[in-house]
Amino acid sequence: MTVKIKVYSDYVCPFCFIAEAPLKEAIKGKDVDVEWMPFELRPYPAETLKPEGDYLQSTWENSVYPMAKHFGVNIVLPRVSPQPYTHLAFEGYQYAKEQGKGNAYNQRMLTAFFQEEQDIGDIDVLTKLAEELELDPTEYRHALEARKYKEAHQKALQHAYQEANIQAVPTFIIGETEVKGMHPQEDLEEIVNNEISKQKKEINFKGMACGPDGC
């Protein structure tokens, strides 16, 4: 049986971007289904962070860059100031999911921000990125301008904040196991294997037989 993996993340969270590397290796060749789940760290109108601030500079120098180097991930502190709100990008994610390109869209948002320093809060930028993924740019732009997926996104946030009780990202729900924060490939792989084993044990064939009245 397929193990379901939910990854709660925000497009402005560097650890969410870095976390893709060990996860990708951990699930290689395994029967899993990965779904990226929206989570806004600083929803509008909360103030977003500024890259020139001492807090971000210190966090990146002491934590983000060393971790990215360890996992072999190319990443830069984007100079977009202040950092963009991500609700429009996430509304676009809902559209992309309908088109069967949700995971590819998610990856493109992260690389656009953390490798190319693009403003993923700008509709023009988002539309260009969507077009790169061969999504209909006119339809995509209209969906964002009309806020067609606002309700769907709000429901996704409600699920993350209230139902799943996610407190920080990245958070992984691997089968029945919740994993908070960054973890090496070996840890994630062990959890995935354990969840695969548990699912196999759920099917108990012992004693199954057919009788005169049927099976």
C-alpha atoms as a PDB file:
ATOM      1  CA  MET A   1       0.000   0.000   0.000  1.00  0.00           C
ATOM      2  CA  THR A   2       1.109   3.550  -0.719  1.00  0.00           C
ATOM      3  CA  VAL A   3       2.407   5.567   2.239  1.00  0.00           C
ATOM      4  CA  LYS A   4       0.973   9.071   2.294  1.00  0.00           C
ATOM      5  CA  ILE A   5       3.395  11.873   3.126  1.00  0.00           C
ATOM      6  CA  LYS A   6       2.187  15.396   3.835  1.00  0.00           C
ATOM      7  CA  VAL A   7       4.775  18.163   3.939  1.00  0.00           C
ATOM      8  CA  TYR A   8       3.648  21.419   5.556  1.00  0.00           C
ATOM      9  CA  SER A   9       5.727  24.325   4.291  1.00  0.00           C
ATOM     10  CA  ASP A  10       5.859  27.994   3.353  1.00  0.00           C
ATOM     11  CA  TYR A  11       7.540  29.386   0.253  1.00  0.00           C
ATOM     12  CA  VAL A  12       9.598  31.853   2.319  1.00  0.00           C
ATOM     13  CA  CYS A  13      10.936  29.199   4.701  1.00  0.00           C
ATOM     14  CA  PRO A  14      14.530  28.284   3.741  1.00  0.00           C
ATOM     15  CA  PHE A  15      14.449  25.093   5.793  1.00  0.00           C
ATOM     16  CA  CYS A  16      11.403  23.942   3.809  1.00  0.00           C
ATOM     17  CA  PHE A  17      13.448  24.297   0.626  1.00  0.00           C
ATOM     18  CA  ILE A  18      16.492  22.518   2.042  1.00  0.00           C
ATOM     19  CA  ALA A  19      14.305  19.739   3.477  1.00  0.00           C
ATOM     20  CA  GLU A  20      13.395  18.633  -0.047  1.00  0.00           C
ATOM     21  CA  ALA A  21      16.881  17.167  -0.570  1.00  0.00           C
ATOM     22  CA  PRO A  22      16.915  14.540   2.224  1.00  0.00           C
ATOM     23  CA  LEU A  23      13.242  13.735   1.667  1.00  0.00           C
ATOM     24  CA  LYS A  24      13.787  13.105  -2.032  1.00  0.00           C
ATOM     25  CA  GLU A  25      16.596  10.668  -1.266  1.00  0.00           C
ATOM     26  CA  ALA A  26      14.686   8.993   1.553  1.00  0.00           C
ATOM     27  CA  ILE A  27      11.684   8.105  -0.626  1.00  0.00           C
ATOM     28  CA  LYS A  28      13.626   7.081  -3.735  1.00  0.00           C
ATOM     29  CA  GLY A  29      12.247   3.796  -5.103  1.00  0.00           C
ATOM     30  CA  LYS A  30       9.520   3.593  -2.442  1.00  0.00           C
ATOM     31  CA  ASP A  31       5.749   3.448  -2.844  1.00  0.00           C
ATOM     32  CA  VAL A  32       4.874   6.853  -1.425  1.00  0.00           C
ATOM     33  CA  ASP A  33       2.604   9.751  -2.329  1.00  0.00           C
ATOM     34  CA  VAL A  34       3.923  13.189  -1.354  1.00  0.00           C
ATOM     35  CA  GLU A  35       1.544  16.127  -0.980  1.00  0.00           C
ATOM     36  CA  TRP A  36       2.770  19.613  -0.118  1.00  0.00           C
ATOM     37  CA  MET A  37       0.485  21.417   2.316  1.00  0.00           C
ATOM     38  CA  PRO A  38       0.208  25.215   2.584  1.00  0.00           C
ATOM     39  CA  PHE A  39       1.285  26.971   5.769  1.00  0.00           C
ATOM     40  CA  GLU A  40       1.767  30.742   6.021  1.00  0.00           C
ATOM     41  CA  LEU A  41       4.343  31.758   8.595  1.00  0.00           C
ATOM     42  CA  ARG A  42       3.355  35.427   8.457  1.00  0.00           C
ATOM     43  CA  PRO A  43      -0.127  35.841   6.949  1.00  0.00           C
ATOM     44  CA  TYR A  44      -1.261  39.279   5.802  1.00  0.00           C
ATOM     45  CA  PRO A  45      -1.351  41.808   7.490  1.00  0.00           C
ATOM     46  CA  ALA A  46       1.405  40.568   9.821  1.00  0.00           C
ATOM     47  CA  GLU A  47       4.731  42.248   9.142  1.00  0.00           C
ATOM     48  CA  THR A  48       7.112  40.163   7.042  1.00  0.00           C
ATOM     49  CA  LEU A  49      10.862  39.964   7.519  1.00  0.00           C
ATOM     50  CA  LYS A  50      13.499  42.139   5.881  1.00  0.00           C
ATOM     51  CA  PRO A  51      16.671  40.467   4.579  1.00  0.00           C
ATOM     52  CA  GLU A  52      18.834  43.401   5.604  1.00  0.00           C
ATOM     53  CA  GLY A  53      17.808  42.958   9.247  1.00  0.00           C
ATOM     54  CA  ASP A  54      20.260  41.584  11.801  1.00  0.00           C
ATOM     55  CA  TYR A  55      17.960  38.686  12.711  1.00  0.00           C
ATOM     56  CA  LEU A  56      17.817  37.203   9.221  1.00  0.00           C
ATOM     57  CA  GLN A  57      21.470  37.871   8.519  1.00  0.00           C
ATOM     58  CA  SER A  58      22.486  36.046  11.693  1.00  0.00           C
ATOM     59  CA  THR A  59      20.092  33.137  11.121  1.00  0.00           C
ATOM     60  CA  TRP A  60      21.352  32.568   7.612  1.00  0.00           C
ATOM     61  CA  GLU A  61      25.036  32.821   8.459  1.00  0.00           C
ATOM     62  CA  ASN A  62      24.796  30.563  11.507  1.00  0.00           C
ATOM     63  CA  SER A  63      22.125  28.070  10.434  1.00  0.00           C
ATOM     64  CA  VAL A  64      20.766  28.248   6.897  1.00  0.00           C
ATOM     65  CA  TYR A  65      23.993  28.395   4.895  1.00  0.00           C
ATOM     66  CA  PRO A  66      25.782  25.670   6.909  1.00  0.00           C
ATOM     67  CA  MET A  67      22.765  23.367   6.637  1.00  0.00           C
ATOM     68  CA  ALA A  68      22.352  24.022   2.911  1.00  0.00           C
ATOM     69  CA  LYS A  69      26.024  23.229   2.370  1.00  0.00           C
ATOM     70  CA  HIS A  70      25.657  19.986   4.319  1.00  0.00           C
ATOM     71  CA  PHE A  71      22.771  18.832   2.123  1.00  0.00           C
ATOM     72  CA  GLY A  72      24.294  20.147  -1.098  1.00  0.00           C
ATOM     73  CA  VAL A  73      21.538  22.697  -1.728  1.00  0.00           C
ATOM     74  CA  ASN A  74      22.231  25.923  -3.621  1.00  0.00           C
ATOM     75  CA  ILE A  75      20.449  28.722  -1.767  1.00  0.00           C
ATOM     76  CA  VAL A  76      20.769  32.484  -1.235  1.00  0.00           C
ATOM     77  CA  LEU A  77      19.110  34.941   1.102  1.00  0.00           C
ATOM     78  CA  PRO A  78      16.725  36.726  -1.311  1.00  0.00           C
ATOM     79  CA  ARG A  79      17.112  40.491  -1.426  1.00  0.00           C
ATOM     80  CA  VAL A  80      13.360  40.995  -1.881  1.00  0.00           C
ATOM     81  CA  SER A  81      12.526  43.451   0.895  1.00  0.00           C
ATOM     82  CA  PRO A  82      10.303  43.110   2.739  1.00  0.00           C
ATOM     83  CA  GLN A  83       9.751  39.420   2.094  1.00  0.00           C
ATOM     84  CA  PRO A  84       6.582  38.734   0.092  1.00  0.00           C
ATOM     85  CA  TYR A  85       3.311  37.468   1.446  1.00  0.00           C
ATOM     86  CA  THR A  86       2.660  34.005   0.066  1.00  0.00           C
ATOM     87  CA  HIS A  87      -1.144  33.791  -0.077  1.00  0.00           C
ATOM     88  CA  LEU A  88      -1.323  34.538  -3.822  1.00  0.00           C
ATOM     89  CA  ALA A  89       1.364  31.976  -4.616  1.00  0.00           C
ATOM     90  CA  PHE A  90      -0.555  29.431  -2.555  1.00  0.00           C
ATOM     91  CA  GLU A  91      -3.813  30.273  -4.302  1.00  0.00           C
ATOM     92  CA  GLY A  92      -1.959  29.584  -7.522  1.00  0.00           C
ATOM     93  CA  TYR A  93      -0.883  26.279  -6.004  1.00  0.00           C
ATOM     94  CA  GLN A  94      -4.537  25.286  -5.691  1.00  0.00           C
ATOM     95  CA  TYR A  95      -4.970  25.990  -9.399  1.00  0.00           C
ATOM     96  CA  ALA A  96      -1.816  24.044 -10.266  1.00  0.00           C
ATOM     97  CA  LYS A  97      -3.024  21.050  -8.246  1.00  0.00           C
ATOM     98  CA  GLU A  98      -6.213  20.976 -10.301  1.00  0.00           C
ATOM     99  CA  GLN A  99      -4.030  20.778 -13.394  1.00  0.00           C
ATOM    100  CA  GLY A 100      -1.990  17.905 -11.953  1.00  0.00           C
ATOM    101  CA  LYS A 101       1.132  20.040 -11.437  1.00  0.00           C
ATOM    102  CA  GLY A 102       0.971  20.858  -7.753  1.00  0.00           C
ATOM    103  CA  ASN A 103       4.343  19.406  -6.750  1.00  0.00           C
ATOM    104  CA  ALA A 104       6.144  20.889  -9.754  1.00  0.00           C
ATOM    105  CA  TYR A 105       4.594  24.272  -8.958  1.00  0.00           C
ATOM    106  CA  ASN A 106       5.664  24.043  -5.344  1.00  0.00           C
ATOM    107  CA  GLN A 107       9.248  23.311  -6.348  1.00  0.00           C
ATOM    108  CA  ARG A 108       9.277  26.210  -8.833  1.00  0.00           C
ATOM    109  CA  MET A 109       8.098  28.701  -6.229  1.00  0.00           C
ATOM    110  CA  LEU A 110      10.890  27.678  -3.881  1.00  0.00           C
ATOM    111  CA  THR A 111      13.647  27.818  -6.497  1.00  0.00           C
ATOM    112  CA  ALA A 112      12.342  31.133  -7.848  1.00  0.00           C
ATOM    113  CA  PHE A 113      12.607  32.705  -4.411  1.00  0.00           C
ATOM    114  CA  PHE A 114      15.649  31.033  -2.891  1.00  0.00           C
ATOM    115  CA  GLN A 115      17.831  30.668  -5.979  1.00  0.00           C
ATOM    116  CA  GLU A 116      16.686  33.447  -8.307  1.00  0.00           C
ATOM    117  CA  GLU A 117      15.507  36.034  -5.745  1.00  0.00           C
ATOM    118  CA  GLN A 118      12.218  36.587  -7.547  1.00  0.00           C
ATOM    119  CA  ASP A 119       9.318  38.355  -5.829  1.00  0.00           C
ATOM    120  CA  ILE A 120       6.772  35.539  -5.521  1.00  0.00           C
ATOM    121  CA  GLY A 121       4.219  37.940  -4.075  1.00  0.00           C
ATOM    122  CA  ASP A 122       3.922  39.732  -7.446  1.00  0.00           C
ATOM    123  CA  ILE A 123       1.221  38.522  -9.858  1.00  0.00           C
ATOM    124  CA  ASP A 124       3.355  39.277 -12.934  1.00  0.00           C
ATOM    125  CA  VAL A 125       6.188  37.145 -11.549  1.00  0.00           C
ATOM    126  CA  LEU A 126       3.826  34.354 -10.515  1.00  0.00           C
ATOM    127  CA  THR A 127       2.164  34.287 -13.932  1.00  0.00           C
ATOM    128  CA  LYS A 128       5.529  34.024 -15.669  1.00  0.00           C
ATOM    129  CA  LEU A 129       6.526  31.128 -13.417  1.00  0.00           C
ATOM    130  CA  ALA A 130       3.209  29.383 -14.028  1.00  0.00           C
ATOM    131  CA  GLU A 131       3.717  29.723 -17.778  1.00  0.00           C
ATOM    132  CA  GLU A 132       7.117  28.047 -17.434  1.00  0.00           C
ATOM    133  CA  LEU A 133       5.249  25.025 -16.071  1.00  0.00           C
ATOM    134  CA  GLU A 134       2.973  25.102 -19.130  1.00  0.00           C
ATOM    135  CA  LEU A 135      -0.009  26.301 -17.115  1.00  0.00           C
ATOM    136  CA  ASP A 136      -2.368  28.593 -19.004  1.00  0.00           C
ATOM    137  CA  PRO A 137      -1.033  32.083 -18.090  1.00  0.00           C
ATOM    138  CA  THR A 138      -4.289  33.898 -18.864  1.00  0.00           C
ATOM    139  CA  GLU A 139      -6.370  31.492 -16.829  1.00  0.00           C
ATOM    140  CA  TYR A 140      -3.838  31.491 -14.017  1.00  0.00           C
ATOM    141  CA  ARG A 141      -3.640  35.286 -13.810  1.00  0.00           C
ATOM    142  CA  HIS A 142      -7.415  35.617 -13.845  1.00  0.00           C
ATOM    143  CA  ALA A 143      -7.686  33.076 -11.015  1.00  0.00           C
ATOM    144  CA  LEU A 144      -5.308  35.149  -8.866  1.00  0.00           C
ATOM    145  CA  GLU A 145      -6.834  38.520  -9.705  1.00  0.00           C
ATOM    146  CA  ALA A 146     -10.358  37.240  -9.052  1.00  0.00           C
ATOM    147  CA  ARG A 147      -9.182  35.391  -5.913  1.00  0.00           C
ATOM    148  CA  LYS A 148     -10.892  32.290  -7.273  1.00  0.00           C
ATOM    149  CA  TYR A 149      -8.983  29.978  -4.931  1.00  0.00           C
ATOM    150  CA  LYS A 150      -9.038  32.175  -1.828  1.00  0.00           C
ATOM    151  CA  GLU A 151     -11.577  29.968  -0.047  1.00  0.00           C
ATOM    152  CA  ALA A 152      -9.722  26.771  -0.933  1.00  0.00           C
ATOM    153  CA  HIS A 153      -6.489  28.236   0.396  1.00  0.00           C
ATOM    154  CA  GLN A 154      -8.149  29.425   3.603  1.00  0.00           C
ATOM    155  CA  LYS A 155      -9.513  25.928   4.166  1.00  0.00           C
ATOM    156  CA  ALA A 156      -6.020  24.533   3.676  1.00  0.00           C
ATOM    157  CA  LEU A 157      -4.670  26.980   6.273  1.00  0.00           C
ATOM    158  CA  GLN A 158      -7.465  26.138   8.686  1.00  0.00           C
ATOM    159  CA  HIS A 159      -6.555  22.481   8.342  1.00  0.00           C
ATOM    160  CA  ALA A 160      -2.880  23.215   9.011  1.00  0.00           C
ATOM    161  CA  TYR A 161      -3.392  25.603  11.920  1.00  0.00           C
ATOM    162  CA  GLN A 162      -6.344  23.995  13.683  1.00  0.00           C
ATOM    163  CA  GLU A 163      -6.928  20.421  12.547  1.00  0.00           C
ATOM    164  CA  ALA A 164      -3.322  19.273  12.095  1.00  0.00           C
ATOM    165  CA  ASN A 165      -2.119  21.743  14.755  1.00  0.00           C
ATOM    166  CA  ILE A 166       1.059  22.538  12.868  1.00  0.00           C
ATOM    167  CA  GLN A 167       3.217  24.940  14.859  1.00  0.00           C
ATOM    168  CA  ALA A 168       6.271  25.330  12.623  1.00  0.00           C
ATOM    169  CA  VAL A 169       7.563  24.273   9.219  1.00  0.00           C
ATOM    170  CA  PRO A 170       8.765  22.089   7.742  1.00  0.00           C
ATOM    171  CA  THR A 171       6.595  19.433   9.371  1.00  0.00           C
ATOM    172  CA  PHE A 172       6.198  16.008   7.803  1.00  0.00           C
ATOM    173  CA  ILE A 173       3.293  13.640   8.397  1.00  0.00           C
ATOM    174  CA  ILE A 174       4.655  10.311   7.186  1.00  0.00           C
ATOM    175  CA  GLY A 175       1.869   7.783   7.396  1.00  0.00           C
ATOM    176  CA  GLU A 176       0.917   8.080  11.063  1.00  0.00           C
ATOM    177  CA  THR A 177       4.192   9.620  12.218  1.00  0.00           C
ATOM    178  CA  GLU A 178       4.689  13.364  12.683  1.00  0.00           C
ATOM    179  CA  VAL A 179       8.213  14.675  12.139  1.00  0.00           C
ATOM    180  CA  LYS A 180       8.991  18.291  12.993  1.00  0.00           C
ATOM    181  CA  GLY A 181      11.814  20.266  11.446  1.00  0.00           C
ATOM    182  CA  MET A 182      14.894  19.250   9.474  1.00  0.00           C
ATOM    183  CA  HIS A 183      16.054  15.629   9.612  1.00  0.00           C
ATOM    184  CA  PRO A 184      18.776  13.713   7.749  1.00  0.00           C
ATOM    185  CA  GLN A 185      17.930  11.279   5.000  1.00  0.00           C
ATOM    186  CA  GLU A 186      18.647   8.276   7.224  1.00  0.00           C
ATOM    187  CA  ASP A 187      16.049   9.317   9.820  1.00  0.00           C
ATOM    188  CA  LEU A 188      13.374   9.989   7.227  1.00  0.00           C
ATOM    189  CA  GLU A 189      14.115   6.753   5.406  1.00  0.00           C
ATOM    190  CA  GLU A 190      13.794   4.754   8.607  1.00  0.00           C
ATOM    191  CA  ILE A 191      10.409   6.332   9.341  1.00  0.00           C
ATOM    192  CA  VAL A 192       9.168   5.690   5.803  1.00  0.00           C
ATOM    193  CA  ASN A 193      10.287   2.055   5.998  1.00  0.00           C
ATOM    194  CA  ASN A 194       8.568   1.635   9.369  1.00  0.00           C
ATOM    195  CA  GLU A 195       5.335   3.041   7.970  1.00  0.00           C
ATOM    196  CA  ILE A 196       5.548   0.723   4.955  1.00  0.00           C
ATOM    197  CA  SER A 197       6.057  -2.231   7.309  1.00  0.00           C
ATOM    198  CA  LYS A 198       3.094  -1.205   9.456  1.00  0.00           C
ATOM    199  CA  GLN A 199       0.823  -1.071   6.445  1.00  0.00           C
ATOM    200  CA  LYS A 200       1.911  -4.541   5.369  1.00  0.00           C
ATOM    201  CA  LYS A 201       1.113  -5.904   8.825  1.00  0.00           C
ATOM    202  CA  GLU A 202      -2.409  -4.495   8.640  1.00  0.00           C
ATOM    203  CA  ILE A 203      -3.318  -7.154   6.053  1.00  0.00           C
ATOM    204  CA  ASN A 204      -3.526 -10.436   7.970  1.00  0.00           C
ATOM    205  CA  PHE A 205      -3.974 -13.465   5.719  1.00  0.00           C
ATOM    206  CA  LYS A 206      -3.716 -16.013   8.547  1.00  0.00           C
ATOM    207  CA  GLY A 207      -6.696 -18.391   8.682  1.00  0.00           C
ATOM    208  CA  MET A 208      -8.360 -17.128   5.495  1.00  0.00           C
ATOM    209  CA  ALA A 209     -10.270 -19.895   3.693  1.00  0.00           C
ATOM    210  CA  CYS A 210     -13.336 -20.588   1.580  1.00  0.00           C
ATOM    211  CA  GLY A 211     -16.240 -22.779   2.643  1.00  0.00           C
ATOM    212  CA  PRO A 212     -19.401 -24.224   1.063  1.00  0.00           C
ATOM    213  CA  ASP A 213     -21.227 -20.933   1.540  1.00  0.00           C
ATOM    214  CA  GLY A 214     -18.583 -18.896  -0.222  1.00  0.00           C
ATOM    215  CA  CYS A 215     -15.461 -16.919   0.544  1.00  0.00           C
END
